Amino acid sequence: MKATHIAEVHKFSTFSGGLADSGAIDVEINLASLDTLIPIRNERMLEFLFEAATYPTATISGQVDPAAIKALQSGEVAILAIEAMVTIKDSQTPVTTEVLVSRHDNRVVVTSLQPVVLNTASLGLSAGVEKLRELAGLPSISQSVPVSLVMTFDAD
């Protein structure tokens, strides 16, 4: 999300959630688990972009076809459409994408087939992006952020 032509990869290492029998997906991301590989950048993003002291989590809630998941045998994979809502701070944005779902015994792995591009303005993050740009002395920071995911759900 840095300067105009420089892409960087960041990740969140702590999240929890579930995949219900109904196909409902609910994931809560611990924003404090942000890892950009640069500690001062982590601190600035948590403070000025996510306001993590006030809003410690982001959420993803969505729906997949439960019959398609139940039909998977161990070792099988399927491509499924997913409609989800991403919530950061008090803002939400809908996303639709395809995911690769694979079953491995009592575990279901969901992987995005391509990044979902989130617009920071639609999530109320523009002021935070501008503050980060000022602090870093950059000419610009992209307002479009590609997001990929890999989630593993263990059966209860």
N, C-alpha and C. Protein backbone atom coordinates (compact mmCIF):
# COMPACT_ATOMS: atom_id res chain seq x y z
N MET A 1 0.82 -1.17 0.00
CA MET A 1 0.00 0.00 0.00
C MET A 1 0.88 1.24 0.00
N LYS A 2 2.15 1.13 -0.27
CA LYS A 2 3.07 2.25 -0.19
C LYS A 2 2.97 3.14 -1.41
N ALA A 3 4.08 3.75 -1.81
CA ALA A 3 4.10 4.72 -2.91
C ALA A 3 3.52 4.12 -4.19
N THR A 4 3.26 4.97 -5.12
CA THR A 4 2.50 4.66 -6.32
C THR A 4 2.88 3.34 -6.98
N HIS A 5 4.15 3.07 -7.18
CA HIS A 5 4.55 1.89 -7.94
C HIS A 5 5.31 0.88 -7.09
N ILE A 6 5.14 0.92 -5.79
CA ILE A 6 5.81 -0.04 -4.91
C ILE A 6 4.75 -0.81 -4.15
N ALA A 7 4.72 -2.12 -4.35
CA ALA A 7 3.77 -2.96 -3.64
C ALA A 7 4.48 -3.67 -2.49
N GLU A 8 3.80 -3.79 -1.38
CA GLU A 8 4.36 -4.47 -0.22
C GLU A 8 3.34 -5.45 0.32
N VAL A 9 3.82 -6.52 0.94
CA VAL A 9 2.95 -7.54 1.48
C VAL A 9 2.94 -7.44 3.00
N HIS A 10 1.74 -7.35 3.56
CA HIS A 10 1.56 -7.33 5.00
C HIS A 10 0.63 -8.49 5.36
N LYS A 11 0.60 -8.85 6.65
CA LYS A 11 -0.30 -9.93 7.05
C LYS A 11 -0.78 -9.73 8.48
N PHE A 12 -1.87 -10.40 8.78
CA PHE A 12 -2.38 -10.49 10.14
C PHE A 12 -2.18 -11.94 10.55
N SER A 13 -1.53 -12.15 11.69
CA SER A 13 -1.21 -13.52 12.09
C SER A 13 -2.20 -14.12 13.08
N THR A 14 -3.10 -13.31 13.64
CA THR A 14 -4.04 -13.84 14.62
C THR A 14 -5.47 -13.52 14.21
N PHE A 15 -6.23 -14.56 13.98
CA PHE A 15 -7.66 -14.40 13.70
C PHE A 15 -8.37 -15.66 14.16
N SER A 16 -9.66 -15.54 14.35
CA SER A 16 -10.45 -16.69 14.77
C SER A 16 -11.80 -16.60 14.08
N GLY A 17 -12.49 -17.70 14.05
CA GLY A 17 -13.80 -17.68 13.43
C GLY A 17 -14.29 -19.08 13.17
N GLY A 18 -15.34 -19.14 12.39
CA GLY A 18 -15.92 -20.43 12.14
C GLY A 18 -16.69 -20.49 10.84
N LEU A 19 -16.95 -21.71 10.44
CA LEU A 19 -17.76 -22.04 9.29
C LEU A 19 -18.89 -22.90 9.81
N ALA A 20 -20.09 -22.35 9.87
CA ALA A 20 -21.24 -23.06 10.43
C ALA A 20 -21.81 -24.07 9.43
N ASP A 21 -22.58 -25.02 9.94
CA ASP A 21 -23.23 -26.00 9.08
C ASP A 21 -24.11 -25.34 8.03
N SER A 22 -24.60 -24.13 8.33
CA SER A 22 -25.46 -23.39 7.41
C SER A 22 -24.67 -22.76 6.26
N GLY A 23 -23.34 -22.79 6.34
CA GLY A 23 -22.48 -22.16 5.34
C GLY A 23 -22.07 -20.75 5.72
N ALA A 24 -22.52 -20.29 6.89
CA ALA A 24 -22.15 -18.95 7.36
C ALA A 24 -20.68 -18.94 7.79
N ILE A 25 -19.98 -17.92 7.33
CA ILE A 25 -18.57 -17.73 7.71
C ILE A 25 -18.48 -16.46 8.55
N ASP A 26 -17.85 -16.57 9.71
CA ASP A 26 -17.60 -15.41 10.56
C ASP A 26 -16.15 -15.47 11.01
N VAL A 27 -15.39 -14.43 10.67
CA VAL A 27 -13.97 -14.37 11.02
C VAL A 27 -13.71 -13.03 11.69
N GLU A 28 -12.99 -13.07 12.80
CA GLU A 28 -12.57 -11.86 13.51
C GLU A 28 -11.05 -11.79 13.45
N ILE A 29 -10.53 -10.67 12.96
CA ILE A 29 -9.09 -10.47 12.79
C ILE A 29 -8.59 -9.56 13.90
N ASN A 30 -7.58 -10.02 14.62
CA ASN A 30 -6.95 -9.21 15.66
C ASN A 30 -5.99 -8.24 14.96
N LEU A 31 -6.38 -6.96 14.92
CA LEU A 31 -5.57 -5.99 14.18
C LEU A 31 -4.18 -5.81 14.78
N ALA A 32 -4.04 -6.03 16.10
CA ALA A 32 -2.72 -5.91 16.73
C ALA A 32 -1.74 -6.96 16.22
N SER A 33 -2.23 -7.97 15.51
CA SER A 33 -1.34 -9.00 14.96
C SER A 33 -0.77 -8.60 13.60
N LEU A 34 -0.97 -7.34 13.21
CA LEU A 34 -0.43 -6.83 11.95
C LEU A 34 1.08 -7.02 11.91
N ASP A 35 1.57 -7.52 10.79
CA ASP A 35 3.01 -7.68 10.60
C ASP A 35 3.40 -7.16 9.22
N THR A 36 4.07 -6.01 9.21
CA THR A 36 4.54 -5.41 7.96
C THR A 36 6.05 -5.61 7.80
N LEU A 37 6.67 -6.25 8.78
CA LEU A 37 8.12 -6.47 8.85
C LEU A 37 8.88 -5.21 9.27
N ILE A 38 8.16 -4.11 9.53
CA ILE A 38 8.80 -2.87 9.99
C ILE A 38 8.03 -2.39 11.22
N PRO A 39 8.61 -2.52 12.42
CA PRO A 39 7.89 -2.19 13.65
C PRO A 39 7.26 -0.80 13.70
N ILE A 40 7.96 0.23 13.24
CA ILE A 40 7.39 1.58 13.29
C ILE A 40 6.19 1.69 12.35
N ARG A 41 6.23 0.99 11.23
CA ARG A 41 5.09 0.99 10.31
C ARG A 41 3.91 0.29 10.96
N ASN A 42 4.17 -0.84 11.65
CA ASN A 42 3.10 -1.52 12.37
C ASN A 42 2.43 -0.56 13.34
N GLU A 43 3.23 0.13 14.13
CA GLU A 43 2.70 1.06 15.14
C GLU A 43 1.87 2.16 14.49
N ARG A 44 2.38 2.74 13.43
CA ARG A 44 1.68 3.84 12.76
C ARG A 44 0.37 3.37 12.13
N MET A 45 0.40 2.22 11.49
CA MET A 45 -0.82 1.71 10.87
C MET A 45 -1.87 1.39 11.93
N LEU A 46 -1.43 0.79 13.04
CA LEU A 46 -2.39 0.47 14.10
C LEU A 46 -2.98 1.73 14.72
N GLU A 47 -2.15 2.75 14.89
CA GLU A 47 -2.63 3.98 15.52
C GLU A 47 -3.43 4.86 14.57
N PHE A 48 -2.90 5.14 13.40
CA PHE A 48 -3.50 6.14 12.53
C PHE A 48 -4.45 5.58 11.47
N LEU A 49 -4.23 4.36 11.04
CA LEU A 49 -5.08 3.79 10.00
C LEU A 49 -6.25 3.02 10.62
N PHE A 50 -5.93 2.03 11.44
CA PHE A 50 -6.97 1.18 12.00
C PHE A 50 -7.55 1.70 13.32
N GLU A 51 -6.83 2.62 13.98
CA GLU A 51 -7.25 3.10 15.30
C GLU A 51 -7.55 1.89 16.21
N ALA A 52 -6.58 1.00 16.28
CA ALA A 52 -6.77 -0.30 16.93
C ALA A 52 -7.05 -0.21 18.43
N ALA A 53 -6.67 0.88 19.08
CA ALA A 53 -6.98 1.03 20.50
C ALA A 53 -8.50 1.12 20.70
N THR A 54 -9.19 1.72 19.74
CA THR A 54 -10.64 1.86 19.80
C THR A 54 -11.34 0.72 19.07
N TYR A 55 -10.77 0.29 17.95
CA TYR A 55 -11.36 -0.75 17.11
C TYR A 55 -10.34 -1.89 16.97
N PRO A 56 -10.25 -2.80 17.95
CA PRO A 56 -9.19 -3.80 17.95
C PRO A 56 -9.34 -4.93 16.93
N THR A 57 -10.52 -5.04 16.31
CA THR A 57 -10.73 -6.13 15.37
C THR A 57 -11.37 -5.65 14.07
N ALA A 58 -11.16 -6.42 13.05
CA ALA A 58 -11.89 -6.30 11.79
C ALA A 58 -12.62 -7.62 11.62
N THR A 59 -13.72 -7.60 10.87
CA THR A 59 -14.47 -8.85 10.71
C THR A 59 -14.79 -9.11 9.24
N ILE A 60 -14.94 -10.38 8.95
CA ILE A 60 -15.42 -10.84 7.66
C ILE A 60 -16.59 -11.77 7.96
N SER A 61 -17.73 -11.47 7.41
CA SER A 61 -18.87 -12.38 7.56
C SER A 61 -19.42 -12.65 6.17
N GLY A 62 -19.76 -13.90 5.94
CA GLY A 62 -20.21 -14.25 4.60
C GLY A 62 -20.97 -15.55 4.57
N GLN A 63 -21.18 -16.01 3.36
CA GLN A 63 -21.98 -17.21 3.15
C GLN A 63 -21.41 -18.00 1.99
N VAL A 64 -21.31 -19.31 2.17
CA VAL A 64 -20.97 -20.23 1.09
C VAL A 64 -22.05 -21.30 1.03
N ASP A 65 -22.10 -22.03 -0.05
CA ASP A 65 -23.08 -23.09 -0.22
C ASP A 65 -22.73 -24.27 0.70
N PRO A 66 -23.53 -24.50 1.75
CA PRO A 66 -23.19 -25.56 2.70
C PRO A 66 -23.24 -26.95 2.07
N ALA A 67 -24.15 -27.17 1.12
CA ALA A 67 -24.25 -28.48 0.48
C ALA A 67 -22.97 -28.81 -0.29
N ALA A 68 -22.38 -27.81 -0.93
CA ALA A 68 -21.15 -28.04 -1.69
C ALA A 68 -20.00 -28.44 -0.77
N ILE A 69 -19.96 -27.84 0.41
CA ILE A 69 -18.90 -28.18 1.36
C ILE A 69 -19.13 -29.56 1.94
N LYS A 70 -20.36 -29.86 2.32
CA LYS A 70 -20.69 -31.17 2.90
C LYS A 70 -20.44 -32.29 1.90
N ALA A 71 -20.60 -32.00 0.61
CA ALA A 71 -20.41 -33.02 -0.42
C ALA A 71 -18.95 -33.37 -0.65
N LEU A 72 -18.04 -32.51 -0.21
CA LEU A 72 -16.61 -32.76 -0.43
C LEU A 72 -16.13 -33.94 0.42
N GLN A 73 -15.44 -34.85 -0.21
CA GLN A 73 -14.78 -35.93 0.49
C GLN A 73 -13.35 -35.49 0.82
N SER A 74 -12.72 -36.14 1.77
CA SER A 74 -11.36 -35.79 2.14
C SER A 74 -10.45 -35.85 0.92
N GLY A 75 -9.70 -34.78 0.69
CA GLY A 75 -8.80 -34.68 -0.46
C GLY A 75 -9.42 -34.01 -1.67
N GLU A 76 -10.72 -33.80 -1.66
CA GLU A 76 -11.38 -33.15 -2.78
C GLU A 76 -11.36 -31.63 -2.63
N VAL A 77 -11.47 -30.96 -3.76
CA VAL A 77 -11.51 -29.50 -3.77
C VAL A 77 -12.68 -29.04 -4.64
N ALA A 78 -13.13 -27.82 -4.36
CA ALA A 78 -14.19 -27.21 -5.17
C ALA A 78 -13.95 -25.71 -5.21
N ILE A 79 -14.41 -25.09 -6.28
CA ILE A 79 -14.38 -23.63 -6.38
C ILE A 79 -15.79 -23.14 -6.09
N LEU A 80 -15.90 -22.27 -5.09
CA LEU A 80 -17.19 -21.76 -4.66
C LEU A 80 -17.21 -20.24 -4.68
N ALA A 81 -18.36 -19.69 -4.98
CA ALA A 81 -18.56 -18.24 -4.88
C ALA A 81 -18.84 -17.90 -3.43
N ILE A 82 -18.33 -16.77 -2.99
CA ILE A 82 -18.57 -16.32 -1.63
C ILE A 82 -18.96 -14.85 -1.67
N GLU A 83 -20.00 -14.54 -0.94
CA GLU A 83 -20.40 -13.16 -0.75
C GLU A 83 -20.14 -12.84 0.71
N ALA A 84 -19.44 -11.75 0.96
CA ALA A 84 -19.05 -11.43 2.33
C ALA A 84 -19.15 -9.94 2.58
N MET A 85 -19.12 -9.60 3.85
CA MET A 85 -19.10 -8.21 4.28
C MET A 85 -17.83 -8.04 5.10
N VAL A 86 -17.01 -7.06 4.73
CA VAL A 86 -15.80 -6.73 5.48
C VAL A 86 -16.12 -5.51 6.32
N THR A 87 -15.82 -5.60 7.61
CA THR A 87 -16.07 -4.49 8.53
C THR A 87 -14.76 -4.08 9.18
N ILE A 88 -14.42 -2.79 9.04
CA ILE A 88 -13.25 -2.22 9.69
C ILE A 88 -13.72 -0.91 10.33
N LYS A 89 -13.41 -0.76 11.59
CA LYS A 89 -13.93 0.37 12.36
C LYS A 89 -15.45 0.33 12.26
N ASP A 90 -16.10 1.39 11.91
CA ASP A 90 -17.56 1.39 11.81
C ASP A 90 -18.03 1.33 10.36
N SER A 91 -17.14 0.96 9.44
CA SER A 91 -17.49 0.94 8.02
C SER A 91 -17.51 -0.48 7.49
N GLN A 92 -18.42 -0.70 6.55
CA GLN A 92 -18.55 -2.02 5.93
C GLN A 92 -18.50 -1.87 4.42
N THR A 93 -18.00 -2.91 3.78
CA THR A 93 -18.03 -2.97 2.32
C THR A 93 -18.29 -4.41 1.90
N PRO A 94 -19.18 -4.61 0.93
CA PRO A 94 -19.45 -5.97 0.46
C PRO A 94 -18.37 -6.41 -0.53
N VAL A 95 -18.09 -7.72 -0.53
CA VAL A 95 -17.16 -8.30 -1.49
C VAL A 95 -17.76 -9.60 -2.03
N THR A 96 -17.47 -9.87 -3.26
CA THR A 96 -17.86 -11.14 -3.89
C THR A 96 -16.62 -11.68 -4.57
N THR A 97 -16.35 -12.95 -4.35
CA THR A 97 -15.16 -13.54 -4.95
C THR A 97 -15.33 -15.05 -5.04
N GLU A 98 -14.38 -15.70 -5.66
CA GLU A 98 -14.36 -17.15 -5.69
C GLU A 98 -13.23 -17.65 -4.81
N VAL A 99 -13.50 -18.76 -4.14
CA VAL A 99 -12.50 -19.36 -3.26
C VAL A 99 -12.35 -20.83 -3.62
N LEU A 100 -11.17 -21.34 -3.35
CA LEU A 100 -10.90 -22.77 -3.49
C LEU A 100 -11.10 -23.38 -2.11
N VAL A 101 -12.00 -24.34 -2.03
CA VAL A 101 -12.30 -24.99 -0.76
C VAL A 101 -11.83 -26.43 -0.86
N SER A 102 -11.06 -26.86 0.12
CA SER A 102 -10.59 -28.25 0.14
C SER A 102 -10.87 -28.87 1.50
N ARG A 103 -11.23 -30.14 1.48
CA ARG A 103 -11.50 -30.85 2.73
C ARG A 103 -10.36 -31.84 2.97
N HIS A 104 -9.91 -31.87 4.22
CA HIS A 104 -8.85 -32.80 4.64
C HIS A 104 -9.30 -33.37 5.97
N ASP A 105 -9.94 -34.54 5.93
CA ASP A 105 -10.53 -35.17 7.11
C ASP A 105 -11.50 -34.19 7.78
N ASN A 106 -11.22 -33.75 9.00
CA ASN A 106 -12.11 -32.84 9.73
C ASN A 106 -11.69 -31.39 9.59
N ARG A 107 -11.01 -31.07 8.55
CA ARG A 107 -10.50 -29.71 8.34
C ARG A 107 -10.94 -29.23 6.95
N VAL A 108 -11.37 -27.96 6.90
CA VAL A 108 -11.73 -27.33 5.63
C VAL A 108 -10.81 -26.13 5.44
N VAL A 109 -10.16 -26.06 4.28
CA VAL A 109 -9.25 -24.96 3.97
C VAL A 109 -9.90 -24.11 2.87
N VAL A 110 -9.97 -22.80 3.12
CA VAL A 110 -10.55 -21.85 2.17
C VAL A 110 -9.44 -20.89 1.73
N THR A 111 -9.21 -20.82 0.43
CA THR A 111 -8.14 -19.99 -0.13
C THR A 111 -8.71 -19.12 -1.25
N SER A 112 -8.40 -17.84 -1.23
CA SER A 112 -8.88 -16.96 -2.30
C SER A 112 -8.17 -17.34 -3.60
N LEU A 113 -8.93 -17.33 -4.69
CA LEU A 113 -8.35 -17.64 -6.00
C LEU A 113 -7.63 -16.44 -6.59
N GLN A 114 -8.10 -15.26 -6.24
CA GLN A 114 -7.43 -14.03 -6.67
C GLN A 114 -7.67 -13.00 -5.59
N PRO A 115 -6.82 -12.00 -5.50
CA PRO A 115 -7.01 -10.99 -4.46
C PRO A 115 -8.33 -10.23 -4.65
N VAL A 116 -8.92 -9.87 -3.54
CA VAL A 116 -10.06 -8.96 -3.52
C VAL A 116 -9.48 -7.57 -3.32
N VAL A 117 -9.86 -6.62 -4.16
CA VAL A 117 -9.33 -5.27 -4.03
C VAL A 117 -10.29 -4.45 -3.18
N LEU A 118 -9.81 -4.02 -2.02
CA LEU A 118 -10.60 -3.17 -1.13
C LEU A 118 -10.20 -1.72 -1.35
N ASN A 119 -11.18 -0.85 -1.34
CA ASN A 119 -10.93 0.57 -1.47
C ASN A 119 -10.95 1.18 -0.08
N THR A 120 -9.87 1.84 0.30
CA THR A 120 -9.77 2.39 1.65
C THR A 120 -10.83 3.44 1.94
N ALA A 121 -11.25 4.17 0.92
CA ALA A 121 -12.29 5.19 1.13
C ALA A 121 -13.61 4.54 1.54
N SER A 122 -13.95 3.40 0.93
CA SER A 122 -15.22 2.74 1.25
C SER A 122 -15.22 2.17 2.67
N LEU A 123 -14.05 2.07 3.27
CA LEU A 123 -13.94 1.57 4.64
C LEU A 123 -13.59 2.68 5.63
N GLY A 124 -13.71 3.93 5.20
CA GLY A 124 -13.46 5.04 6.11
C GLY A 124 -12.01 5.17 6.54
N LEU A 125 -11.09 4.75 5.69
CA LEU A 125 -9.67 4.75 6.04
C LEU A 125 -8.86 5.83 5.34
N SER A 126 -9.50 6.68 4.55
CA SER A 126 -8.76 7.67 3.75
C SER A 126 -7.94 8.63 4.60
N ALA A 127 -8.50 9.11 5.70
CA ALA A 127 -7.75 10.04 6.56
C ALA A 127 -6.53 9.36 7.15
N GLY A 128 -6.66 8.09 7.51
CA GLY A 128 -5.52 7.34 8.04
C GLY A 128 -4.44 7.12 7.00
N VAL A 129 -4.86 6.84 5.77
CA VAL A 129 -3.89 6.66 4.68
C VAL A 129 -3.15 7.97 4.45
N GLU A 130 -3.86 9.08 4.46
CA GLU A 130 -3.22 10.39 4.27
C GLU A 130 -2.23 10.68 5.39
N LYS A 131 -2.58 10.35 6.63
CA LYS A 131 -1.66 10.57 7.76
C LYS A 131 -0.40 9.72 7.59
N LEU A 132 -0.57 8.48 7.18
CA LEU A 132 0.59 7.61 6.95
C LEU A 132 1.47 8.17 5.83
N ARG A 133 0.84 8.69 4.78
CA ARG A 133 1.60 9.29 3.68
C ARG A 133 2.43 10.45 4.18
N GLU A 134 1.82 11.32 5.00
CA GLU A 134 2.53 12.47 5.55
C GLU A 134 3.71 12.02 6.42
N LEU A 135 3.45 11.08 7.32
CA LEU A 135 4.50 10.61 8.24
C LEU A 135 5.68 9.98 7.50
N ALA A 136 5.37 9.27 6.42
CA ALA A 136 6.42 8.59 5.66
C ALA A 136 7.06 9.50 4.62
N GLY A 137 6.48 10.69 4.40
CA GLY A 137 7.02 11.61 3.40
C GLY A 137 6.92 11.08 1.99
N LEU A 138 5.84 10.38 1.69
CA LEU A 138 5.66 9.80 0.37
C LEU A 138 4.79 10.69 -0.51
N PRO A 139 4.98 10.63 -1.83
CA PRO A 139 4.14 11.42 -2.72
C PRO A 139 2.69 10.90 -2.75
N SER A 140 2.51 9.59 -2.54
CA SER A 140 1.17 9.01 -2.54
C SER A 140 1.22 7.62 -1.93
N ILE A 141 0.06 7.16 -1.50
CA ILE A 141 -0.15 5.78 -1.08
C ILE A 141 -1.43 5.34 -1.76
N SER A 142 -1.41 4.19 -2.37
CA SER A 142 -2.58 3.71 -3.10
C SER A 142 -3.78 3.56 -2.18
N GLN A 143 -4.94 3.92 -2.69
CA GLN A 143 -6.20 3.76 -1.96
C GLN A 143 -6.84 2.40 -2.26
N SER A 144 -6.24 1.62 -3.15
CA SER A 144 -6.73 0.28 -3.48
C SER A 144 -5.77 -0.74 -2.92
N VAL A 145 -6.32 -1.66 -2.13
CA VAL A 145 -5.48 -2.64 -1.44
C VAL A 145 -5.93 -4.05 -1.81
N PRO A 146 -5.05 -4.83 -2.47
CA PRO A 146 -5.41 -6.21 -2.78
C PRO A 146 -5.26 -7.08 -1.52
N VAL A 147 -6.29 -7.90 -1.27
CA VAL A 147 -6.30 -8.74 -0.08
C VAL A 147 -6.52 -10.19 -0.49
N SER A 148 -5.66 -11.07 0.00
CA SER A 148 -5.80 -12.51 -0.23
C SER A 148 -5.99 -13.18 1.12
N LEU A 149 -6.55 -14.39 1.08
CA LEU A 149 -6.75 -15.08 2.35
C LEU A 149 -6.54 -16.56 2.21
N VAL A 150 -6.10 -17.14 3.31
CA VAL A 150 -6.03 -18.59 3.47
C VAL A 150 -6.52 -18.84 4.89
N MET A 151 -7.61 -19.60 5.01
CA MET A 151 -8.18 -19.89 6.33
C MET A 151 -8.38 -21.39 6.46
N THR A 152 -8.08 -21.91 7.62
CA THR A 152 -8.31 -23.32 7.91
C THR A 152 -9.33 -23.42 9.03
N PHE A 153 -10.39 -24.19 8.79
CA PHE A 153 -11.43 -24.41 9.78
C PHE A 153 -11.36 -25.86 10.24
N ASP A 154 -11.21 -26.06 11.55
CA ASP A 154 -11.22 -27.40 12.12
C ASP A 154 -12.61 -27.71 12.64
N ALA A 155 -13.07 -28.95 12.43
CA ALA A 155 -14.38 -29.36 12.93
C ALA A 155 -14.34 -29.42 14.45
N ASP A 156 -15.47 -29.04 15.05
CA ASP A 156 -15.55 -29.11 16.52
C ASP A 156 -15.72 -30.53 16.99
